[in-house]
């Protein structure tokens, strides 16, 4: 598992629009640290700096689904591929696929998720 400081999203300049960084917080909570512009555009909101509960307070199915996904990455310390539709933002016709990779700030525990999203209509 790579260290967070070894991963610089800016080195992936051509993919920045689709990249995300998510911090694992105590109590099975997660905070969006970085969201690429395509993610913000497709979701219809900028959740940068918000926790899952804050970002999806009006979408009760999304936060628990994301929590399970992100916990799987943190607990397994391994990559997790996810597929879904954007049904929650009324875009049933749009599919999202994400690769979710664990990172560690201090080398012991996974506490950051680095990933990218790909959309198909």
PDB file of N, CA and C in Angstrom:
ATOM      1  N   UNK A   1       0.857  -1.172   0.000  1.00  0.00           N
ATOM      2  CA  UNK A   1       0.000   0.000   0.000  1.00  0.00           C
ATOM      3  C   UNK A   1       0.904   1.237   0.000  1.00  0.00           C
ATOM      4  N   UNK A   2       0.751   2.091  -0.986  1.00  0.00           N
ATOM      5  CA  UNK A   2       1.583   3.294  -1.061  1.00  0.00           C
ATOM      6  C   UNK A   2       1.258   4.298   0.036  1.00  0.00           C
ATOM      7  N   UNK A   3       2.235   5.123   0.316  1.00  0.00           N
ATOM      8  CA  UNK A   3       2.024   6.235   1.240  1.00  0.00           C
ATOM      9  C   UNK A   3       1.327   7.376   0.515  1.00  0.00           C
ATOM     10  N   UNK A   4       0.523   8.121   1.236  1.00  0.00           N
ATOM     11  CA  UNK A   4      -0.182   9.261   0.637  1.00  0.00           C
ATOM     12  C   UNK A   4       0.802  10.255   0.030  1.00  0.00           C
ATOM     13  N   UNK A   5       1.911  10.511   0.717  1.00  0.00           N
ATOM     14  CA  UNK A   5       2.874  11.499   0.235  1.00  0.00           C
ATOM     15  C   UNK A   5       3.580  11.056  -1.046  1.00  0.00           C
ATOM     16  N   UNK A   6       3.495   9.773  -1.385  1.00  0.00           N
ATOM     17  CA  UNK A   6       4.094   9.263  -2.618  1.00  0.00           C
ATOM     18  C   UNK A   6       3.155   9.406  -3.817  1.00  0.00           C
ATOM     19  N   UNK A   7       1.941   9.831  -3.570  1.00  0.00           N
ATOM     20  CA  UNK A   7       0.934   9.946  -4.619  1.00  0.00           C
ATOM     21  C   UNK A   7       0.568  11.407  -4.813  1.00  0.00           C
ATOM     22  N   UNK A   8       0.868  11.934  -5.984  1.00  0.00           N
ATOM     23  CA  UNK A   8       0.564  13.330  -6.284  1.00  0.00           C
ATOM     24  C   UNK A   8      -0.418  13.382  -7.454  1.00  0.00           C
ATOM     25  N   UNK A   9      -1.677  13.739  -7.178  1.00  0.00           N
ATOM     26  CA  UNK A   9      -2.664  13.801  -8.256  1.00  0.00           C
ATOM     27  C   UNK A   9      -2.234  14.702  -9.417  1.00  0.00           C
ATOM     28  N   UNK A  10      -1.438  15.714  -9.140  1.00  0.00           N
ATOM     29  CA  UNK A  10      -1.004  16.625 -10.206  1.00  0.00           C
ATOM     30  C   UNK A  10      -0.122  15.931 -11.246  1.00  0.00           C
ATOM     31  N   UNK A  11       0.507  14.819 -10.858  1.00  0.00           N
ATOM     32  CA  UNK A  11       1.306  14.054 -11.812  1.00  0.00           C
ATOM     33  C   UNK A  11       0.416  13.352 -12.838  1.00  0.00           C
ATOM     34  N   UNK A  12      -0.858  13.274 -12.557  1.00  0.00           N
ATOM     35  CA  UNK A  12      -1.820  12.633 -13.448  1.00  0.00           C
ATOM     36  C   UNK A  12      -2.674  13.700 -14.126  1.00  0.00           C
ATOM     37  N   UNK A  13      -2.040  14.752 -14.565  1.00  0.00           N
ATOM     38  CA  UNK A  13      -2.704  15.934 -15.083  1.00  0.00           C
ATOM     39  C   UNK A  13      -3.805  15.633 -16.092  1.00  0.00           C
ATOM     40  N   UNK A  14      -3.556  14.719 -17.010  1.00  0.00           N
ATOM     41  CA  UNK A  14      -4.560  14.436 -18.041  1.00  0.00           C
ATOM     42  C   UNK A  14      -5.793  13.725 -17.479  1.00  0.00           C
ATOM     43  N   UNK A  15      -5.717  13.239 -16.251  1.00  0.00           N
ATOM     44  CA  UNK A  15      -6.847  12.533 -15.637  1.00  0.00           C
ATOM     45  C   UNK A  15      -7.465  13.289 -14.462  1.00  0.00           C
ATOM     46  N   UNK A  16      -6.984  14.491 -14.177  1.00  0.00           N
ATOM     47  CA  UNK A  16      -7.437  15.231 -12.999  1.00  0.00           C
ATOM     48  C   UNK A  16      -8.947  15.386 -12.921  1.00  0.00           C
ATOM     49  N   UNK A  17      -9.610  15.536 -14.044  1.00  0.00           N
ATOM     50  CA  UNK A  17     -11.068  15.730 -14.045  1.00  0.00           C
ATOM     51  C   UNK A  17     -11.813  14.565 -13.400  1.00  0.00           C
ATOM     52  N   UNK A  18     -11.191  13.391 -13.385  1.00  0.00           N
ATOM     53  CA  UNK A  18     -11.882  12.193 -12.908  1.00  0.00           C
ATOM     54  C   UNK A  18     -11.315  11.637 -11.605  1.00  0.00           C
ATOM     55  N   UNK A  19     -10.374  12.326 -10.992  1.00  0.00           N
ATOM     56  CA  UNK A  19      -9.681  11.821  -9.802  1.00  0.00           C
ATOM     57  C   UNK A  19     -10.366  12.297  -8.524  1.00  0.00           C
ATOM     58  N   UNK A  20     -10.268  11.443  -7.494  1.00  0.00           N
ATOM     59  CA  UNK A  20     -10.767  11.835  -6.175  1.00  0.00           C
ATOM     60  C   UNK A  20      -9.832  11.345  -5.077  1.00  0.00           C
ATOM     61  N   UNK A  21      -9.830  12.066  -3.965  1.00  0.00           N
ATOM     62  CA  UNK A  21      -9.156  11.679  -2.726  1.00  0.00           C
ATOM     63  C   UNK A  21     -10.181  11.780  -1.608  1.00  0.00           C
ATOM     64  N   UNK A  22     -10.243  10.740  -0.777  1.00  0.00           N
ATOM     65  CA  UNK A  22     -11.218  10.683   0.298  1.00  0.00           C
ATOM     66  C   UNK A  22     -10.494  10.302   1.582  1.00  0.00           C
ATOM     67  N   UNK A  23     -10.698  11.080   2.626  1.00  0.00           N
ATOM     68  CA  UNK A  23     -10.094  10.788   3.926  1.00  0.00           C
ATOM     69  C   UNK A  23     -11.015   9.905   4.742  1.00  0.00           C
ATOM     70  N   UNK A  24     -10.448   8.869   5.366  1.00  0.00           N
ATOM     71  CA  UNK A  24     -11.190   8.058   6.326  1.00  0.00           C
ATOM     72  C   UNK A  24     -11.134   8.765   7.669  1.00  0.00           C
ATOM     73  N   UNK A  25     -12.285   8.944   8.301  1.00  0.00           N
ATOM     74  CA  UNK A  25     -12.393   9.611   9.592  1.00  0.00           C
ATOM     75  C   UNK A  25     -12.852   8.603  10.641  1.00  0.00           C
ATOM     76  N   UNK A  26     -12.694   8.913  11.913  1.00  0.00           N
ATOM     77  CA  UNK A  26     -13.195   8.008  12.955  1.00  0.00           C
ATOM     78  C   UNK A  26     -14.701   7.785  12.826  1.00  0.00           C
ATOM     79  N   UNK A  27     -15.147   6.632  13.290  1.00  0.00           N
ATOM     80  CA  UNK A  27     -16.571   6.340  13.306  1.00  0.00           C
ATOM     81  C   UNK A  27     -17.155   6.007  11.956  1.00  0.00           C
ATOM     82  N   UNK A  28     -16.370   5.387  11.092  1.00  0.00           N
ATOM     83  CA  UNK A  28     -16.846   4.980   9.760  1.00  0.00           C
ATOM     84  C   UNK A  28     -17.393   6.155   8.956  1.00  0.00           C
ATOM     85  N   UNK A  29     -16.759   7.297   9.068  1.00  0.00           N
ATOM     86  CA  UNK A  29     -17.131   8.469   8.291  1.00  0.00           C
ATOM     87  C   UNK A  29     -16.004   8.776   7.311  1.00  0.00           C
ATOM     88  N   UNK A  30     -16.350   9.437   6.239  1.00  0.00           N
ATOM     89  CA  UNK A  30     -15.387   9.762   5.182  1.00  0.00           C
ATOM     90  C   UNK A  30     -15.624  11.194   4.725  1.00  0.00           C
ATOM     91  N   UNK A  31     -14.521  11.854   4.340  1.00  0.00           N
ATOM     92  CA  UNK A  31     -14.596  13.240   3.865  1.00  0.00           C
ATOM     93  C   UNK A  31     -13.962  13.337   2.480  1.00  0.00           C
ATOM     94  N   UNK A  32     -14.659  14.017   1.572  1.00  0.00           N
ATOM     95  CA  UNK A  32     -14.137  14.246   0.230  1.00  0.00           C
ATOM     96  C   UNK A  32     -13.078  15.339   0.283  1.00  0.00           C
ATOM     97  N   UNK A  33     -11.826  14.984   0.071  1.00  0.00           N
ATOM     98  CA  UNK A  33     -10.732  15.957   0.093  1.00  0.00           C
ATOM     99  C   UNK A  33     -10.545  16.602  -1.272  1.00  0.00           C
ATOM    100  N   UNK A  34     -10.666  15.813  -2.323  1.00  0.00           N
ATOM    101  CA  UNK A  34     -10.464  16.300  -3.695  1.00  0.00           C
ATOM    102  C   UNK A  34     -11.454  15.594  -4.606  1.00  0.00           C
ATOM    103  N   UNK A  35     -12.141  16.372  -5.431  1.00  0.00           N
ATOM    104  CA  UNK A  35     -13.042  15.817  -6.442  1.00  0.00           C
ATOM    105  C   UNK A  35     -12.745  16.505  -7.761  1.00  0.00           C
ATOM    106  N   UNK A  36     -12.491  15.710  -8.786  1.00  0.00           N
ATOM    107  CA  UNK A  36     -12.241  16.269 -10.104  1.00  0.00           C
ATOM    108  C   UNK A  36     -13.469  16.960 -10.667  1.00  0.00           C
ATOM    109  N   UNK A  37     -13.230  17.847 -11.598  1.00  0.00           N
ATOM    110  CA  UNK A  37     -14.321  18.662 -12.149  1.00  0.00           C
ATOM    111  C   UNK A  37     -15.387  17.834 -12.863  1.00  0.00           C
ATOM    112  N   UNK A  38     -15.019  16.727 -13.486  1.00  0.00           N
ATOM    113  CA  UNK A  38     -16.038  15.891 -14.137  1.00  0.00           C
ATOM    114  C   UNK A  38     -16.947  15.245 -13.101  1.00  0.00           C
ATOM    115  N   UNK A  39     -16.385  14.830 -11.979  1.00  0.00           N
ATOM    116  CA  UNK A  39     -17.193  14.235 -10.907  1.00  0.00           C
ATOM    117  C   UNK A  39     -18.190  15.269 -10.380  1.00  0.00           C
ATOM    118  N   UNK A  40     -17.708  16.472 -10.139  1.00  0.00           N
ATOM    119  CA  UNK A  40     -18.582  17.544  -9.651  1.00  0.00           C
ATOM    120  C   UNK A  40     -19.685  17.836 -10.664  1.00  0.00           C
ATOM    121  N   UNK A  41     -19.301  17.912 -11.925  1.00  0.00           N
ATOM    122  CA  UNK A  41     -20.265  18.202 -12.994  1.00  0.00           C
ATOM    123  C   UNK A  41     -21.318  17.109 -13.103  1.00  0.00           C
ATOM    124  N   UNK A  42     -20.903  15.867 -13.102  1.00  0.00           N
ATOM    125  CA  UNK A  42     -21.856  14.752 -13.257  1.00  0.00           C
ATOM    126  C   UNK A  42     -22.770  14.607 -12.047  1.00  0.00           C
ATOM    127  N   UNK A  43     -22.210  14.834 -10.842  1.00  0.00           N
ATOM    128  CA  UNK A  43     -23.024  14.718  -9.628  1.00  0.00           C
ATOM    129  C   UNK A  43     -23.925  15.923  -9.405  1.00  0.00           C
ATOM    130  N   UNK A  44     -23.604  17.027 -10.067  1.00  0.00           N
ATOM    131  CA  UNK A  44     -24.420  18.221  -9.923  1.00  0.00           C
ATOM    132  C   UNK A  44     -24.193  18.961  -8.622  1.00  0.00           C
ATOM    133  N   UNK A  45     -23.100  18.660  -7.918  1.00  0.00           N
ATOM    134  CA  UNK A  45     -22.778  19.373  -6.685  1.00  0.00           C
ATOM    135  C   UNK A  45     -21.293  19.220  -6.382  1.00  0.00           C
ATOM    136  N   UNK A  46     -20.736  20.202  -5.688  1.00  0.00           N
ATOM    137  CA  UNK A  46     -19.348  20.137  -5.268  1.00  0.00           C
ATOM    138  C   UNK A  46     -19.313  19.723  -3.807  1.00  0.00           C
ATOM    139  N   UNK A  47     -18.910  18.482  -3.563  1.00  0.00           N
ATOM    140  CA  UNK A  47     -18.879  17.950  -2.205  1.00  0.00           C
ATOM    141  C   UNK A  47     -17.490  18.016  -1.585  1.00  0.00           C
ATOM    142  N   UNK A  48     -16.569  18.714  -2.227  1.00  0.00           N
ATOM    143  CA  UNK A  48     -15.226  18.841  -1.687  1.00  0.00           C
ATOM    144  C   UNK A  48     -15.284  19.435  -0.277  1.00  0.00           C
ATOM    145  N   UNK A  49     -14.608  18.771   0.664  1.00  0.00           N
ATOM    146  CA  UNK A  49     -14.588  19.225   2.054  1.00  0.00           C
ATOM    147  C   UNK A  49     -15.740  18.707   2.893  1.00  0.00           C
ATOM    148  N   UNK A  50     -16.711  18.066   2.271  1.00  0.00           N
ATOM    149  CA  UNK A  50     -17.874  17.560   2.998  1.00  0.00           C
ATOM    150  C   UNK A  50     -17.704  16.081   3.348  1.00  0.00           C
ATOM    151  N   UNK A  51     -18.368  15.675   4.429  1.00  0.00           N
ATOM    152  CA  UNK A  51     -18.434  14.261   4.759  1.00  0.00           C
ATOM    153  C   UNK A  51     -19.517  13.615   3.882  1.00  0.00           C
ATOM    154  N   UNK A  52     -19.532  12.299   3.885  1.00  0.00           N
ATOM    155  CA  UNK A  52     -20.586  11.591   3.135  1.00  0.00           C
ATOM    156  C   UNK A  52     -21.968  12.028   3.600  1.00  0.00           C
ATOM    157  N   UNK A  53     -22.151  12.089   4.904  1.00  0.00           N
ATOM    158  CA  UNK A  53     -23.471  12.456   5.442  1.00  0.00           C
ATOM    159  C   UNK A  53     -23.865  13.875   5.036  1.00  0.00           C
ATOM    160  N   UNK A  54     -22.895  14.790   5.031  1.00  0.00           N
ATOM    161  CA  UNK A  54     -23.190  16.161   4.616  1.00  0.00           C
ATOM    162  C   UNK A  54     -23.510  16.228   3.124  1.00  0.00           C
ATOM    163  N   UNK A  55     -22.715  15.521   2.332  1.00  0.00           N
ATOM    164  CA  UNK A  55     -22.873  15.588   0.877  1.00  0.00           C
ATOM    165  C   UNK A  55     -24.175  14.952   0.410  1.00  0.00           C
ATOM    166  N   UNK A  56     -24.596  13.886   1.077  1.00  0.00           N
ATOM    167  CA  UNK A  56     -25.758  13.126   0.608  1.00  0.00           C
ATOM    168  C   UNK A  56     -26.894  13.123   1.624  1.00  0.00           C
ATOM    169  N   UNK A  57     -27.043  14.199   2.388  1.00  0.00           N
ATOM    170  CA  UNK A  57     -28.080  14.258   3.412  1.00  0.00           C
ATOM    171  C   UNK A  57     -29.484  14.092   2.836  1.00  0.00           C
ATOM    172  N   UNK A  58     -29.689  14.489   1.596  1.00  0.00           N
ATOM    173  CA  UNK A  58     -31.016  14.374   0.985  1.00  0.00           C
ATOM    174  C   UNK A  58     -31.139  13.170   0.052  1.00  0.00           C
ATOM    175  N   UNK A  59     -30.132  12.289   0.081  1.00  0.00           N
ATOM    176  CA  UNK A  59     -30.137  11.061  -0.730  1.00  0.00           C
ATOM    177  C   UNK A  59     -29.826   9.886   0.192  1.00  0.00           C
ATOM    178  N   UNK A  60     -30.810   9.394   0.940  1.00  0.00           N
ATOM    179  CA  UNK A  60     -30.556   8.431   2.014  1.00  0.00           C
ATOM    180  C   UNK A  60     -29.936   7.104   1.580  1.00  0.00           C
ATOM    181  N   UNK A  61     -30.037   6.717   0.324  1.00  0.00           N
ATOM    182  CA  UNK A  61     -29.452   5.448  -0.113  1.00  0.00           C
ATOM    183  C   UNK A  61     -27.969   5.555  -0.433  1.00  0.00           C
ATOM    184  N   UNK A  62     -27.499   6.745  -0.737  1.00  0.00           N
ATOM    185  CA  UNK A  62     -26.136   6.908  -1.239  1.00  0.00           C
ATOM    186  C   UNK A  62     -25.086   6.810  -0.137  1.00  0.00           C
ATOM    187  N   UNK A  63     -25.266   7.513   0.971  1.00  0.00           N
ATOM    188  CA  UNK A  63     -24.248   7.504   2.033  1.00  0.00           C
ATOM    189  C   UNK A  63     -23.958   6.096   2.551  1.00  0.00           C
ATOM    190  N   UNK A  64     -24.967   5.259   2.854  1.00  0.00           N
ATOM    191  CA  UNK A  64     -24.660   3.899   3.316  1.00  0.00           C
ATOM    192  C   UNK A  64     -23.938   3.061   2.253  1.00  0.00           C
ATOM    193  N   UNK A  65     -24.318   3.226   0.989  1.00  0.00           N
ATOM    194  CA  UNK A  65     -23.664   2.480  -0.093  1.00  0.00           C
ATOM    195  C   UNK A  65     -22.194   2.885  -0.193  1.00  0.00           C
ATOM    196  N   UNK A  66     -21.929   4.201  -0.176  1.00  0.00           N
ATOM    197  CA  UNK A  66     -20.550   4.694  -0.250  1.00  0.00           C
ATOM    198  C   UNK A  66     -19.756   4.279   0.983  1.00  0.00           C
ATOM    199  N   UNK A  67     -20.384   4.306   2.154  1.00  0.00           N
ATOM    200  CA  UNK A  67     -19.702   3.900   3.381  1.00  0.00           C
ATOM    201  C   UNK A  67     -19.246   2.450   3.274  1.00  0.00           C
ATOM    202  N   UNK A  68     -20.116   1.568   2.799  1.00  0.00           N
ATOM    203  CA  UNK A  68     -19.731   0.154   2.633  1.00  0.00           C
ATOM    204  C   UNK A  68     -18.578   0.017   1.642  1.00  0.00           C
ATOM    205  N   UNK A  69     -18.661   0.740   0.538  1.00  0.00           N
ATOM    206  CA  UNK A  69     -17.600   0.695  -0.475  1.00  0.00           C
ATOM    207  C   UNK A  69     -16.276   1.175   0.111  1.00  0.00           C
ATOM    208  N   UNK A  70     -16.278   2.341   0.744  1.00  0.00           N
ATOM    209  CA  UNK A  70     -15.038   2.912   1.267  1.00  0.00           C
ATOM    210  C   UNK A  70     -14.480   2.083   2.420  1.00  0.00           C
ATOM    211  N   UNK A  71     -15.356   1.530   3.267  1.00  0.00           N
ATOM    212  CA  UNK A  71     -14.883   0.649   4.337  1.00  0.00           C
ATOM    213  C   UNK A  71     -14.215  -0.595   3.767  1.00  0.00           C
ATOM    214  N   UNK A  72     -14.731  -1.116   2.660  1.00  0.00           N
ATOM    215  CA  UNK A  72     -14.121  -2.291   2.033  1.00  0.00           C
ATOM    216  C   UNK A  72     -12.691  -1.985   1.587  1.00  0.00           C
ATOM    217  N   UNK A  73     -12.471  -0.787   1.072  1.00  0.00           N
ATOM    218  CA  UNK A  73     -11.127  -0.386   0.649  1.00  0.00           C
ATOM    219  C   UNK A  73     -10.214  -0.276   1.868  1.00  0.00           C
ATOM    220  N   UNK A  74     -10.680   0.415   2.895  1.00  0.00           N
ATOM    221  CA  UNK A  74      -9.882   0.642   4.105  1.00  0.00           C
ATOM    222  C   UNK A  74      -9.602  -0.675   4.827  1.00  0.00           C
ATOM    223  N   UNK A  75     -10.619  -1.489   5.004  1.00  0.00           N
ATOM    224  CA  UNK A  75     -10.465  -2.743   5.751  1.00  0.00           C
ATOM    225  C   UNK A  75      -9.600  -3.761   5.016  1.00  0.00           C
ATOM    226  N   UNK A  76      -9.759  -3.851   3.708  1.00  0.00           N
ATOM    227  CA  UNK A  76      -9.002  -4.846   2.937  1.00  0.00           C
ATOM    228  C   UNK A  76      -7.597  -4.377   2.592  1.00  0.00           C
ATOM    229  N   UNK A  77      -7.378  -3.064   2.657  1.00  0.00           N
ATOM    230  CA  UNK A  77      -6.118  -2.458   2.232  1.00  0.00           C
ATOM    231  C   UNK A  77      -5.796  -2.841   0.790  1.00  0.00           C
ATOM    232  N   UNK A  78      -6.852  -3.032   0.022  1.00  0.00           N
ATOM    233  CA  UNK A  78      -6.700  -3.421  -1.372  1.00  0.00           C
ATOM    234  C   UNK A  78      -7.647  -2.652  -2.263  1.00  0.00           C
ATOM    235  N   UNK A  79      -7.425  -2.716  -3.566  1.00  0.00           N
ATOM    236  CA  UNK A  79      -8.284  -1.991  -4.507  1.00  0.00           C
ATOM    237  C   UNK A  79      -9.689  -2.575  -4.574  1.00  0.00           C
ATOM    238  N   UNK A  80     -10.653  -1.699  -4.810  1.00  0.00           N
ATOM    239  CA  UNK A  80     -12.039  -2.115  -4.977  1.00  0.00           C
ATOM    240  C   UNK A  80     -12.596  -1.392  -6.200  1.00  0.00           C
ATOM    241  N   UNK A  81     -13.152  -2.167  -7.108  1.00  0.00           N
ATOM    242  CA  UNK A  81     -13.795  -1.630  -8.301  1.00  0.00           C
ATOM    243  C   UNK A  81     -15.295  -1.575  -8.029  1.00  0.00           C
ATOM    244  N   UNK A  82     -15.926  -0.459  -8.365  1.00  0.00           N
ATOM    245  CA  UNK A  82     -17.358  -0.307  -8.113  1.00  0.00           C
ATOM    246  C   UNK A  82     -18.070   0.166  -9.374  1.00  0.00           C
ATOM    247  N   UNK A  83     -19.327  -0.265  -9.512  1.00  0.00           N
ATOM    248  CA  UNK A  83     -20.176   0.116 -10.644  1.00  0.00           C
ATOM    249  C   UNK A  83     -21.521   0.581 -10.093  1.00  0.00           C
ATOM    250  N   UNK A  84     -22.076   1.608 -10.696  1.00  0.00           N
ATOM    251  CA  UNK A  84     -23.403   2.092 -10.294  1.00  0.00           C
ATOM    252  C   UNK A  84     -23.973   2.957 -11.409  1.00  0.00           C
ATOM    253  N   UNK A  85     -25.231   3.339 -11.252  1.00  0.00           N
ATOM    254  CA  UNK A  85     -25.811   4.350 -12.134  1.00  0.00           C
ATOM    255  C   UNK A  85     -25.903   5.643 -11.335  1.00  0.00           C
ATOM    256  N   UNK A  86     -26.141   6.728 -12.019  1.00  0.00           N
ATOM    257  CA  UNK A  86     -26.322   8.010 -11.337  1.00  0.00           C
ATOM    258  C   UNK A  86     -27.802   8.260 -11.066  1.00  0.00           C
ATOM    259  N   UNK A  87     -28.494   7.204 -10.711  1.00  0.00           N
ATOM    260  CA  UNK A  87     -29.921   7.254 -10.390  1.00  0.00           C
ATOM    261  C   UNK A  87     -30.216   8.284  -9.317  1.00  0.00           C
ATOM    262  N   UNK A  88     -29.324   8.418  -8.345  1.00  0.00           N
ATOM    263  CA  UNK A  88     -29.568   9.335  -7.233  1.00  0.00           C
ATOM    264  C   UNK A  88     -29.624  10.795  -7.666  1.00  0.00           C
ATOM    265  N   UNK A  89     -29.007  11.118  -8.788  1.00  0.00           N
ATOM    266  CA  UNK A  89     -29.063  12.495  -9.298  1.00  0.00           C
ATOM    267  C   UNK A  89     -29.879  12.544 -10.595  1.00  0.00           C
ATOM    268  N   UNK A  90     -30.822  11.590 -10.693  1.00  0.00           N
ATOM    269  CA  UNK A  90     -31.785  11.550 -11.791  1.00  0.00           C
ATOM    270  C   UNK A  90     -31.127  11.388 -13.158  1.00  0.00           C
ATOM    271  N   UNK A  91     -30.067  10.591 -13.200  1.00  0.00           N
ATOM    272  CA  UNK A  91     -29.380  10.308 -14.458  1.00  0.00           C
ATOM    273  C   UNK A  91     -29.241   8.793 -14.603  1.00  0.00           C
ATOM    274  N   UNK A  92     -30.386   8.100 -14.597  1.00  0.00           N
ATOM    275  CA  UNK A  92     -30.384   6.643 -14.708  1.00  0.00           C
ATOM    276  C   UNK A  92     -29.641   6.150 -15.945  1.00  0.00           C
ATOM    277  N   UNK A  93     -29.587   6.980 -16.965  1.00  0.00           N
ATOM    278  CA  UNK A  93     -28.958   6.617 -18.235  1.00  0.00           C
ATOM    279  C   UNK A  93     -27.428   6.630 -18.147  1.00  0.00           C
ATOM    280  N   UNK A  94     -26.874   7.175 -17.075  1.00  0.00           N
ATOM    281  CA  UNK A  94     -25.424   7.334 -16.950  1.00  0.00           C
ATOM    282  C   UNK A  94     -24.877   6.320 -15.945  1.00  0.00           C
ATOM    283  N   UNK A  95     -23.859   5.601 -16.344  1.00  0.00           N
ATOM    284  CA  UNK A  95     -23.192   4.643 -15.470  1.00  0.00           C
ATOM    285  C   UNK A  95     -21.862   5.213 -15.008  1.00  0.00           C
ATOM    286  N   UNK A  96     -21.483   4.832 -13.800  1.00  0.00           N
ATOM    287  CA  UNK A  96     -20.190   5.227 -13.254  1.00  0.00           C
ATOM    288  C   UNK A  96     -19.441   3.970 -12.829  1.00  0.00           C
ATOM    289  N   UNK A  97     -18.163   3.959 -13.106  1.00  0.00           N
ATOM    290  CA  UNK A  97     -17.270   2.902 -12.657  1.00  0.00           C
ATOM    291  C   UNK A  97     -16.114   3.603 -11.944  1.00  0.00           C
ATOM    292  N   UNK A  98     -15.790   3.139 -10.739  1.00  0.00           N
ATOM    293  CA  UNK A  98     -14.691   3.752 -10.000  1.00  0.00           C
ATOM    294  C   UNK A  98     -13.680   2.698  -9.585  1.00  0.00           C
ATOM    295  N   UNK A  99     -12.424   3.094  -9.594  1.00  0.00           N
ATOM    296  CA  UNK A  99     -11.366   2.302  -8.994  1.00  0.00           C
ATOM    297  C   UNK A  99     -10.993   3.023  -7.714  1.00  0.00           C
ATOM    298  N   UNK A 100     -10.989   2.312  -6.616  1.00  0.00           N
ATOM    299  CA  UNK A 100     -10.760   2.875  -5.290  1.00  0.00           C
ATOM    300  C   UNK A 100      -9.537   2.203  -4.686  1.00  0.00           C
ATOM    301  N   UNK A 101      -8.483   2.976  -4.457  1.00  0.00           N
ATOM    302  CA  UNK A 101      -7.202   2.438  -4.015  1.00  0.00           C
ATOM    303  C   UNK A 101      -6.839   2.964  -2.630  1.00  0.00           C
ATOM    304  N   UNK A 102      -6.360   2.087  -1.747  1.00  0.00           N
ATOM    305  CA  UNK A 102      -6.001   2.539  -0.407  1.00  0.00           C
ATOM    306  C   UNK A 102      -4.629   3.208  -0.389  1.00  0.00           C
ATOM    307  N   UNK A 103      -4.522   4.254   0.413  1.00  0.00           N
ATOM    308  CA  UNK A 103      -3.250   4.909   0.697  1.00  0.00           C
ATOM    309  C   UNK A 103      -3.120   5.028   2.215  1.00  0.00           C
ATOM    310  N   UNK A 104      -1.888   5.221   2.666  1.00  0.00           N
ATOM    311  CA  UNK A 104      -1.642   5.379   4.091  1.00  0.00           C
ATOM    312  C   UNK A 104      -0.823   6.634   4.344  1.00  0.00           C
ATOM    313  N   UNK A 105      -1.198   7.384   5.355  1.00  0.00           N
ATOM    314  CA  UNK A 105      -0.426   8.574   5.720  1.00  0.00           C
ATOM    315  C   UNK A 105       0.869   8.203   6.435  1.00  0.00           C
ATOM    316  N   UNK A 106       0.823   7.121   7.234  1.00  0.00           N
ATOM    317  CA  UNK A 106       1.969   6.778   8.075  1.00  0.00           C
ATOM    318  C   UNK A 106       2.504   5.372   7.844  1.00  0.00           C
ATOM    319  N   UNK A 107       1.960   4.656   6.884  1.00  0.00           N
ATOM    320  CA  UNK A 107       2.483   3.344   6.537  1.00  0.00           C
ATOM    321  C   UNK A 107       1.920   2.166   7.286  1.00  0.00           C
ATOM    322  N   UNK A 108       0.997   2.391   8.212  1.00  0.00           N
ATOM    323  CA  UNK A 108       0.446   1.282   8.988  1.00  0.00           C
ATOM    324  C   UNK A 108      -0.975   0.927   8.585  1.00  0.00           C
ATOM    325  N   UNK A 109      -1.823   1.933   8.524  1.00  0.00           N
ATOM    326  CA  UNK A 109      -3.245   1.716   8.261  1.00  0.00           C
ATOM    327  C   UNK A 109      -3.660   2.464   7.002  1.00  0.00           C
ATOM    328  N   UNK A 110      -4.609   1.902   6.286  1.00  0.00           N
ATOM    329  CA  UNK A 110      -5.208   2.631   5.158  1.00  0.00           C
ATOM    330  C   UNK A 110      -6.090   3.715   5.749  1.00  0.00           C
ATOM    331  N   UNK A 111      -5.852   4.956   5.349  1.00  0.00           N
ATOM    332  CA  UNK A 111      -6.667   6.050   5.880  1.00  0.00           C
ATOM    333  C   UNK A 111      -7.017   7.097   4.818  1.00  0.00           C
ATOM    334  N   UNK A 112      -6.654   6.820   3.578  1.00  0.00           N
ATOM    335  CA  UNK A 112      -7.001   7.683   2.451  1.00  0.00           C
ATOM    336  C   UNK A 112      -7.380   6.781   1.284  1.00  0.00           C
ATOM    337  N   UNK A 113      -8.362   7.210   0.512  1.00  0.00           N
ATOM    338  CA  UNK A 113      -8.742   6.488  -0.704  1.00  0.00           C
ATOM    339  C   UNK A 113      -8.436   7.395  -1.894  1.00  0.00           C
ATOM    340  N   UNK A 114      -7.687   6.857  -2.817  1.00  0.00           N
ATOM    341  CA  UNK A 114      -7.334   7.569  -4.047  1.00  0.00           C
ATOM    342  C   UNK A 114      -8.013   6.814  -5.174  1.00  0.00           C
ATOM    343  N   UNK A 115      -8.651   7.524  -6.068  1.00  0.00           N
ATOM    344  CA  UNK A 115      -9.336   6.815  -7.134  1.00  0.00           C
ATOM    345  C   UNK A 115      -9.657   7.681  -8.327  1.00  0.00           C
ATOM    346  N   UNK A 116     -10.327   7.043  -9.268  1.00  0.00           N
ATOM    347  CA  UNK A 116     -10.770   7.729 -10.483  1.00  0.00           C
ATOM    348  C   UNK A 116     -12.116   7.167 -10.890  1.00  0.00           C
ATOM    349  N   UNK A 117     -12.885   8.031 -11.538  1.00  0.00           N
ATOM    350  CA  UNK A 117     -14.215   7.654 -12.003  1.00  0.00           C
ATOM    351  C   UNK A 117     -14.240   7.679 -13.529  1.00  0.00           C
ATOM    352  N   UNK A 118     -15.001   6.757 -14.090  1.00  0.00           N
ATOM    353  CA  UNK A 118     -15.243   6.748 -15.536  1.00  0.00           C
ATOM    354  C   UNK A 118     -16.744   6.656 -15.749  1.00  0.00           C
ATOM    355  N   UNK A 119     -17.237   7.510 -16.628  1.00  0.00           N
ATOM    356  CA  UNK A 119     -18.677   7.590 -16.888  1.00  0.00           C
ATOM    357  C   UNK A 119     -18.993   7.108 -18.302  1.00  0.00           C
ATOM    358  N   UNK A 120     -20.111   6.432 -18.427  1.00  0.00           N
ATOM    359  CA  UNK A 120     -20.631   6.067 -19.745  1.00  0.00           C
ATOM    360  C   UNK A 120     -22.124   6.374 -19.752  1.00  0.00           C
ATOM    361  N   UNK A 121     -22.584   6.906 -20.857  1.00  0.00           N
ATOM    362  CA  UNK A 121     -24.001   7.251 -20.943  1.00  0.00           C
ATOM    363  C   UNK A 121     -24.757   6.161 -21.658  1.00  0.00           C
TER     364      UNK A 121
END
